Each structure stands twice: as structure tokens, then as C-alpha cells.
């Protein structure tokens, strides 16, 4: 799950947080304009965050990878 402490790890020089709740965070790159959608599956194993990416707001997301935190 994402909490306010984890959201502090997002570098505000490079990213705007456009949406955040307990299980989902969407950020936009200030440099490229690309969007990243991170979904926490709440699975305690490594790779519990599914990372999606898109190049423009109107484009669909595509799966980009997995991680275990916002770091």
C-alpha cells in the first residue's frame, strides 16, 4: 500500500503526482510528459507494484514492469 511517507520518495523536480490513494499512484514526467501508473497489488512478495506507462494522456497504458516500492 502507498502512504504519505512513500509519496515523499517521488522526486517533485521531475514528476507531478496527478492521483494517489492507498493502492494507486499516477505521476507525470515534467520533462517528457509521459505518464506512469503504479498499482499496488498488496501481495507481500517482491514485485507487488505493477508499473504501467503511456506517452500521452489520450494513449492507453501498457505494462512496463514490476517493483516492490515507489523507490
PDB file of N, CA and C in Angstrom:
ATOM      1  N   UNK A   1       0.842  -1.181   0.000  1.00  0.00           N
ATOM      2  CA  UNK A   1       0.000   0.000   0.000  1.00  0.00           C
ATOM      3  C   UNK A   1       0.883   1.237   0.000  1.00  0.00           C
ATOM      4  N   UNK A   2       0.398   2.298  -0.601  1.00  0.00           N
ATOM      5  CA  UNK A   2       1.119   3.561  -0.644  1.00  0.00           C
ATOM      6  C   UNK A   2       0.633   4.472   0.476  1.00  0.00           C
ATOM      7  N   UNK A   3       1.571   5.097   1.160  1.00  0.00           N
ATOM      8  CA  UNK A   3       1.216   6.055   2.202  1.00  0.00           C
ATOM      9  C   UNK A   3       1.945   7.375   1.935  1.00  0.00           C
ATOM     10  N   UNK A   4       1.674   8.372   2.744  1.00  0.00           N
ATOM     11  CA  UNK A   4       2.258   9.691   2.518  1.00  0.00           C
ATOM     12  C   UNK A   4       3.780   9.669   2.616  1.00  0.00           C
ATOM     13  N   UNK A   5       4.332   8.803   3.433  1.00  0.00           N
ATOM     14  CA  UNK A   5       5.787   8.693   3.544  1.00  0.00           C
ATOM     15  C   UNK A   5       6.394   8.188   2.235  1.00  0.00           C
ATOM     16  N   UNK A   6       5.766   7.208   1.621  1.00  0.00           N
ATOM     17  CA  UNK A   6       6.265   6.700   0.338  1.00  0.00           C
ATOM     18  C   UNK A   6       6.114   7.735  -0.767  1.00  0.00           C
ATOM     19  N   UNK A   7       5.066   8.525  -0.743  1.00  0.00           N
ATOM     20  CA  UNK A   7       4.875   9.550  -1.772  1.00  0.00           C
ATOM     21  C   UNK A   7       5.978  10.609  -1.728  1.00  0.00           C
ATOM     22  N   UNK A   8       6.610  10.769  -0.578  1.00  0.00           N
ATOM     23  CA  UNK A   8       7.730  11.709  -0.472  1.00  0.00           C
ATOM     24  C   UNK A   8       8.930  11.251  -1.291  1.00  0.00           C
ATOM     25  N   UNK A   9       8.999   9.966  -1.626  1.00  0.00           N
ATOM     26  CA  UNK A   9      10.103   9.439  -2.426  1.00  0.00           C
ATOM     27  C   UNK A   9      10.014   9.870  -3.890  1.00  0.00           C
ATOM     28  N   UNK A  10       8.854  10.302  -4.331  1.00  0.00           N
ATOM     29  CA  UNK A  10       8.686  10.744  -5.721  1.00  0.00           C
ATOM     30  C   UNK A  10       9.366  12.105  -5.868  1.00  0.00           C
ATOM     31  N   UNK A  11      10.301  12.203  -6.784  1.00  0.00           N
ATOM     32  CA  UNK A  11      11.076  13.425  -6.981  1.00  0.00           C
ATOM     33  C   UNK A  11      10.203  14.495  -7.636  1.00  0.00           C
ATOM     34  N   UNK A  12       9.832  15.516  -6.868  1.00  0.00           N
ATOM     35  CA  UNK A  12       8.920  16.560  -7.366  1.00  0.00           C
ATOM     36  C   UNK A  12       9.579  17.494  -8.372  1.00  0.00           C
ATOM     37  N   UNK A  13      10.893  17.417  -8.518  1.00  0.00           N
ATOM     38  CA  UNK A  13      11.566  18.194  -9.564  1.00  0.00           C
ATOM     39  C   UNK A  13      11.239  17.595 -10.938  1.00  0.00           C
ATOM     40  N   UNK A  14      11.115  16.284 -11.002  1.00  0.00           N
ATOM     41  CA  UNK A  14      10.902  15.592 -12.271  1.00  0.00           C
ATOM     42  C   UNK A  14       9.475  15.111 -12.499  1.00  0.00           C
ATOM     43  N   UNK A  15       8.691  14.942 -11.433  1.00  0.00           N
ATOM     44  CA  UNK A  15       7.360  14.361 -11.570  1.00  0.00           C
ATOM     45  C   UNK A  15       6.299  15.165 -10.829  1.00  0.00           C
ATOM     46  N   UNK A  16       5.105  15.209 -11.404  1.00  0.00           N
ATOM     47  CA  UNK A  16       3.906  15.694 -10.727  1.00  0.00           C
ATOM     48  C   UNK A  16       3.076  14.479 -10.347  1.00  0.00           C
ATOM     49  N   UNK A  17       2.625  14.394  -9.113  1.00  0.00           N
ATOM     50  CA  UNK A  17       1.683  13.344  -8.722  1.00  0.00           C
ATOM     51  C   UNK A  17       0.306  13.838  -9.134  1.00  0.00           C
ATOM     52  N   UNK A  18      -0.339  13.125 -10.051  1.00  0.00           N
ATOM     53  CA  UNK A  18      -1.651  13.551 -10.540  1.00  0.00           C
ATOM     54  C   UNK A  18      -2.800  12.879  -9.811  1.00  0.00           C
ATOM     55  N   UNK A  19      -2.531  11.714  -9.189  1.00  0.00           N
ATOM     56  CA  UNK A  19      -3.558  10.995  -8.447  1.00  0.00           C
ATOM     57  C   UNK A  19      -2.853  10.045  -7.495  1.00  0.00           C
ATOM     58  N   UNK A  20      -3.368   9.932  -6.273  1.00  0.00           N
ATOM     59  CA  UNK A  20      -2.780   8.982  -5.325  1.00  0.00           C
ATOM     60  C   UNK A  20      -3.834   8.535  -4.327  1.00  0.00           C
ATOM     61  N   UNK A  21      -3.851   7.241  -4.064  1.00  0.00           N
ATOM     62  CA  UNK A  21      -4.648   6.682  -2.974  1.00  0.00           C
ATOM     63  C   UNK A  21      -3.866   5.510  -2.393  1.00  0.00           C
ATOM     64  N   UNK A  22      -4.499   4.675  -1.600  1.00  0.00           N
ATOM     65  CA  UNK A  22      -3.785   3.587  -0.915  1.00  0.00           C
ATOM     66  C   UNK A  22      -3.152   2.575  -1.859  1.00  0.00           C
ATOM     67  N   UNK A  23      -3.765   2.317  -2.996  1.00  0.00           N
ATOM     68  CA  UNK A  23      -3.281   1.265  -3.887  1.00  0.00           C
ATOM     69  C   UNK A  23      -2.815   1.754  -5.254  1.00  0.00           C
ATOM     70  N   UNK A  24      -3.050   3.012  -5.600  1.00  0.00           N
ATOM     71  CA  UNK A  24      -2.710   3.508  -6.935  1.00  0.00           C
ATOM     72  C   UNK A  24      -2.057   4.886  -6.867  1.00  0.00           C
ATOM     73  N   UNK A  25      -1.040   5.086  -7.705  1.00  0.00           N
ATOM     74  CA  UNK A  25      -0.396   6.390  -7.848  1.00  0.00           C
ATOM     75  C   UNK A  25      -0.186   6.636  -9.341  1.00  0.00           C
ATOM     76  N   UNK A  26      -0.540   7.825  -9.786  1.00  0.00           N
ATOM     77  CA  UNK A  26      -0.267   8.233 -11.161  1.00  0.00           C
ATOM     78  C   UNK A  26       0.618   9.466 -11.113  1.00  0.00           C
ATOM     79  N   UNK A  27       1.727   9.407 -11.857  1.00  0.00           N
ATOM     80  CA  UNK A  27       2.638  10.538 -11.921  1.00  0.00           C
ATOM     81  C   UNK A  27       2.873  10.908 -13.386  1.00  0.00           C
ATOM     82  N   UNK A  28       3.209  12.175 -13.604  1.00  0.00           N
ATOM     83  CA  UNK A  28       3.503  12.669 -14.948  1.00  0.00           C
ATOM     84  C   UNK A  28       4.899  13.276 -14.935  1.00  0.00           C
ATOM     85  N   UNK A  29       5.692  12.915 -15.920  1.00  0.00           N
ATOM     86  CA  UNK A  29       7.035  13.454 -16.044  1.00  0.00           C
ATOM     87  C   UNK A  29       6.967  14.914 -16.490  1.00  0.00           C
ATOM     88  N   UNK A  30       7.650  15.792 -15.774  1.00  0.00           N
ATOM     89  CA  UNK A  30       7.716  17.200 -16.169  1.00  0.00           C
ATOM     90  C   UNK A  30       8.583  17.359 -17.424  1.00  0.00           C
ATOM     91  N   UNK A  31       9.501  16.441 -17.638  1.00  0.00           N
ATOM     92  CA  UNK A  31      10.424  16.519 -18.757  1.00  0.00           C
ATOM     93  C   UNK A  31       9.816  15.988 -20.055  1.00  0.00           C
ATOM     94  N   UNK A  32       9.295  14.776 -20.037  1.00  0.00           N
ATOM     95  CA  UNK A  32       8.809  14.132 -21.262  1.00  0.00           C
ATOM     96  C   UNK A  32       7.301  14.223 -21.442  1.00  0.00           C
ATOM     97  N   UNK A  33       6.572  14.466 -20.354  1.00  0.00           N
ATOM     98  CA  UNK A  33       5.117  14.457 -20.411  1.00  0.00           C
ATOM     99  C   UNK A  33       4.525  13.063 -20.343  1.00  0.00           C
ATOM    100  N   UNK A  34       5.371  12.044 -20.168  1.00  0.00           N
ATOM    101  CA  UNK A  34       4.893  10.665 -20.077  1.00  0.00           C
ATOM    102  C   UNK A  34       4.219  10.434 -18.731  1.00  0.00           C
ATOM    103  N   UNK A  35       3.304   9.482 -18.720  1.00  0.00           N
ATOM    104  CA  UNK A  35       2.548   9.124 -17.516  1.00  0.00           C
ATOM    105  C   UNK A  35       2.972   7.753 -17.027  1.00  0.00           C
ATOM    106  N   UNK A  36       3.002   7.598 -15.723  1.00  0.00           N
ATOM    107  CA  UNK A  36       3.309   6.333 -15.064  1.00  0.00           C
ATOM    108  C   UNK A  36       2.193   6.054 -14.066  1.00  0.00           C
ATOM    109  N   UNK A  37       1.656   4.852 -14.153  1.00  0.00           N
ATOM    110  CA  UNK A  37       0.592   4.422 -13.246  1.00  0.00           C
ATOM    111  C   UNK A  37       1.131   3.233 -12.469  1.00  0.00           C
ATOM    112  N   UNK A  38       1.176   3.358 -11.160  1.00  0.00           N
ATOM    113  CA  UNK A  38       1.692   2.295 -10.300  1.00  0.00           C
ATOM    114  C   UNK A  38       0.540   1.731  -9.475  1.00  0.00           C
ATOM    115  N   UNK A  39       0.356   0.440  -9.558  1.00  0.00           N
ATOM    116  CA  UNK A  39      -0.727  -0.226  -8.837  1.00  0.00           C
ATOM    117  C   UNK A  39      -0.131  -1.211  -7.856  1.00  0.00           C
ATOM    118  N   UNK A  40      -0.492  -1.062  -6.589  1.00  0.00           N
ATOM    119  CA  UNK A  40      -0.031  -1.966  -5.531  1.00  0.00           C
ATOM    120  C   UNK A  40      -1.032  -3.106  -5.396  1.00  0.00           C
ATOM    121  N   UNK A  41      -0.566  -4.319  -5.615  1.00  0.00           N
ATOM    122  CA  UNK A  41      -1.449  -5.488  -5.549  1.00  0.00           C
ATOM    123  C   UNK A  41      -1.658  -5.967  -4.113  1.00  0.00           C
ATOM    124  N   UNK A  42      -0.916  -5.391  -3.168  1.00  0.00           N
ATOM    125  CA  UNK A  42      -0.963  -5.777  -1.760  1.00  0.00           C
ATOM    126  C   UNK A  42      -0.449  -7.190  -1.526  1.00  0.00           C
ATOM    127  N   UNK A  43       0.183  -7.767  -2.522  1.00  0.00           N
ATOM    128  CA  UNK A  43       0.840  -9.062  -2.386  1.00  0.00           C
ATOM    129  C   UNK A  43       2.170  -8.816  -1.670  1.00  0.00           C
ATOM    130  N   UNK A  44       2.463  -9.511  -0.587  1.00  0.00           N
ATOM    131  CA  UNK A  44       3.679  -9.231   0.177  1.00  0.00           C
ATOM    132  C   UNK A  44       4.978  -9.655  -0.506  1.00  0.00           C
ATOM    133  N   UNK A  45       4.913 -10.302  -1.648  1.00  0.00           N
ATOM    134  CA  UNK A  45       6.122 -10.754  -2.320  1.00  0.00           C
ATOM    135  C   UNK A  45       6.756  -9.626  -3.129  1.00  0.00           C
ATOM    136  N   UNK A  46       7.993  -9.848  -3.523  1.00  0.00           N
ATOM    137  CA  UNK A  46       8.689  -8.869  -4.360  1.00  0.00           C
ATOM    138  C   UNK A  46       7.934  -8.696  -5.675  1.00  0.00           C
ATOM    139  N   UNK A  47       7.859  -7.502  -6.174  1.00  0.00           N
ATOM    140  CA  UNK A  47       7.131  -7.231  -7.400  1.00  0.00           C
ATOM    141  C   UNK A  47       5.667  -6.935  -7.168  1.00  0.00           C
ATOM    142  N   UNK A  48       5.328  -6.497  -5.965  1.00  0.00           N
ATOM    143  CA  UNK A  48       3.932  -6.250  -5.625  1.00  0.00           C
ATOM    144  C   UNK A  48       3.357  -5.016  -6.323  1.00  0.00           C
ATOM    145  N   UNK A  49       4.216  -4.145  -6.857  1.00  0.00           N
ATOM    146  CA  UNK A  49       3.747  -2.977  -7.611  1.00  0.00           C
ATOM    147  C   UNK A  49       3.821  -3.285  -9.101  1.00  0.00           C
ATOM    148  N   UNK A  50       2.717  -3.118  -9.779  1.00  0.00           N
ATOM    149  CA  UNK A  50       2.683  -3.279 -11.229  1.00  0.00           C
ATOM    150  C   UNK A  50       2.806  -1.880 -11.819  1.00  0.00           C
ATOM    151  N   UNK A  51       3.732  -1.714 -12.754  1.00  0.00           N
ATOM    152  CA  UNK A  51       4.027  -0.403 -13.332  1.00  0.00           C
ATOM    153  C   UNK A  51       3.516  -0.360 -14.765  1.00  0.00           C
ATOM    154  N   UNK A  52       2.694   0.661 -15.037  1.00  0.00           N
ATOM    155  CA  UNK A  52       2.171   0.891 -16.380  1.00  0.00           C
ATOM    156  C   UNK A  52       2.676   2.241 -16.869  1.00  0.00           C
ATOM    157  N   UNK A  53       2.726   2.418 -18.184  1.00  0.00           N
ATOM    158  CA  UNK A  53       3.302   3.622 -18.767  1.00  0.00           C
ATOM    159  C   UNK A  53       2.511   4.010 -20.018  1.00  0.00           C
ATOM    160  N   UNK A  54       2.447   5.304 -20.303  1.00  0.00           N
ATOM    161  CA  UNK A  54       1.912   5.771 -21.580  1.00  0.00           C
ATOM    162  C   UNK A  54       2.595   7.078 -21.945  1.00  0.00           C
ATOM    163  N   UNK A  55       2.609   7.388 -23.229  1.00  0.00           N
ATOM    164  CA  UNK A  55       3.344   8.544 -23.724  1.00  0.00           C
ATOM    165  C   UNK A  55       2.512   9.817 -23.764  1.00  0.00           C
ATOM    166  N   UNK A  56       1.226   9.693 -23.917  1.00  0.00           N
ATOM    167  CA  UNK A  56       0.341  10.856 -23.947  1.00  0.00           C
ATOM    168  C   UNK A  56      -0.930  10.522 -23.178  1.00  0.00           C
ATOM    169  N   UNK A  57      -1.625  11.574 -22.715  1.00  0.00           N
ATOM    170  CA  UNK A  57      -2.833  11.380 -21.925  1.00  0.00           C
ATOM    171  C   UNK A  57      -3.864  10.519 -22.657  1.00  0.00           C
ATOM    172  N   UNK A  58      -4.015  10.724 -23.961  1.00  0.00           N
ATOM    173  CA  UNK A  58      -5.044  10.014 -24.725  1.00  0.00           C
ATOM    174  C   UNK A  58      -4.645   8.588 -25.101  1.00  0.00           C
ATOM    175  N   UNK A  59      -3.402   8.210 -24.907  1.00  0.00           N
ATOM    176  CA  UNK A  59      -2.944   6.863 -25.238  1.00  0.00           C
ATOM    177  C   UNK A  59      -3.329   5.878 -24.138  1.00  0.00           C
ATOM    178  N   UNK A  60      -3.456   4.592 -24.488  1.00  0.00           N
ATOM    179  CA  UNK A  60      -3.697   3.582 -23.451  1.00  0.00           C
ATOM    180  C   UNK A  60      -2.389   3.250 -22.725  1.00  0.00           C
ATOM    181  N   UNK A  61      -2.505   2.793 -21.490  1.00  0.00           N
ATOM    182  CA  UNK A  61      -1.336   2.343 -20.743  1.00  0.00           C
ATOM    183  C   UNK A  61      -0.868   0.990 -21.277  1.00  0.00           C
ATOM    184  N   UNK A  62       0.430   0.743 -21.177  1.00  0.00           N
ATOM    185  CA  UNK A  62       0.974  -0.588 -21.429  1.00  0.00           C
ATOM    186  C   UNK A  62       1.819  -0.984 -20.220  1.00  0.00           C
ATOM    187  N   UNK A  63       1.856  -2.279 -19.946  1.00  0.00           N
ATOM    188  CA  UNK A  63       2.598  -2.767 -18.790  1.00  0.00           C
ATOM    189  C   UNK A  63       4.086  -2.531 -19.014  1.00  0.00           C
ATOM    190  N   UNK A  64       4.740  -1.980 -18.007  1.00  0.00           N
ATOM    191  CA  UNK A  64       6.146  -1.631 -18.133  1.00  0.00           C
ATOM    192  C   UNK A  64       7.040  -2.488 -17.236  1.00  0.00           C
ATOM    193  N   UNK A  65       6.497  -3.015 -16.170  1.00  0.00           N
ATOM    194  CA  UNK A  65       7.303  -3.841 -15.276  1.00  0.00           C
ATOM    195  C   UNK A  65       6.661  -4.002 -13.918  1.00  0.00           C
ATOM    196  N   UNK A  66       7.496  -4.444 -12.967  1.00  0.00           N
ATOM    197  CA  UNK A  66       7.037  -4.639 -11.584  1.00  0.00           C
ATOM    198  C   UNK A  66       8.117  -4.116 -10.653  1.00  0.00           C
ATOM    199  N   UNK A  67       7.711  -3.766  -9.449  1.00  0.00           N
ATOM    200  CA  UNK A  67       8.644  -3.312  -8.428  1.00  0.00           C
ATOM    201  C   UNK A  67       8.075  -3.626  -7.061  1.00  0.00           C
ATOM    202  N   UNK A  68       8.811  -3.231  -6.021  1.00  0.00           N
ATOM    203  CA  UNK A  68       8.302  -3.521  -4.683  1.00  0.00           C
ATOM    204  C   UNK A  68       8.060  -2.254  -3.861  1.00  0.00           C
ATOM    205  N   UNK A  69       8.301  -1.070  -4.449  1.00  0.00           N
ATOM    206  CA  UNK A  69       8.042   0.188  -3.747  1.00  0.00           C
ATOM    207  C   UNK A  69       8.087   1.347  -4.746  1.00  0.00           C
ATOM    208  N   UNK A  70       7.872   2.564  -4.253  1.00  0.00           N
ATOM    209  CA  UNK A  70       7.988   3.737  -5.113  1.00  0.00           C
ATOM    210  C   UNK A  70       9.444   4.138  -5.328  1.00  0.00           C
ATOM    211  N   UNK A  71      10.341   3.585  -4.606  1.00  0.00           N
ATOM    212  CA  UNK A  71      11.760   3.881  -4.808  1.00  0.00           C
ATOM    213  C   UNK A  71      12.168   3.294  -6.097  1.00  0.00           C
TER     214      UNK A  71
END
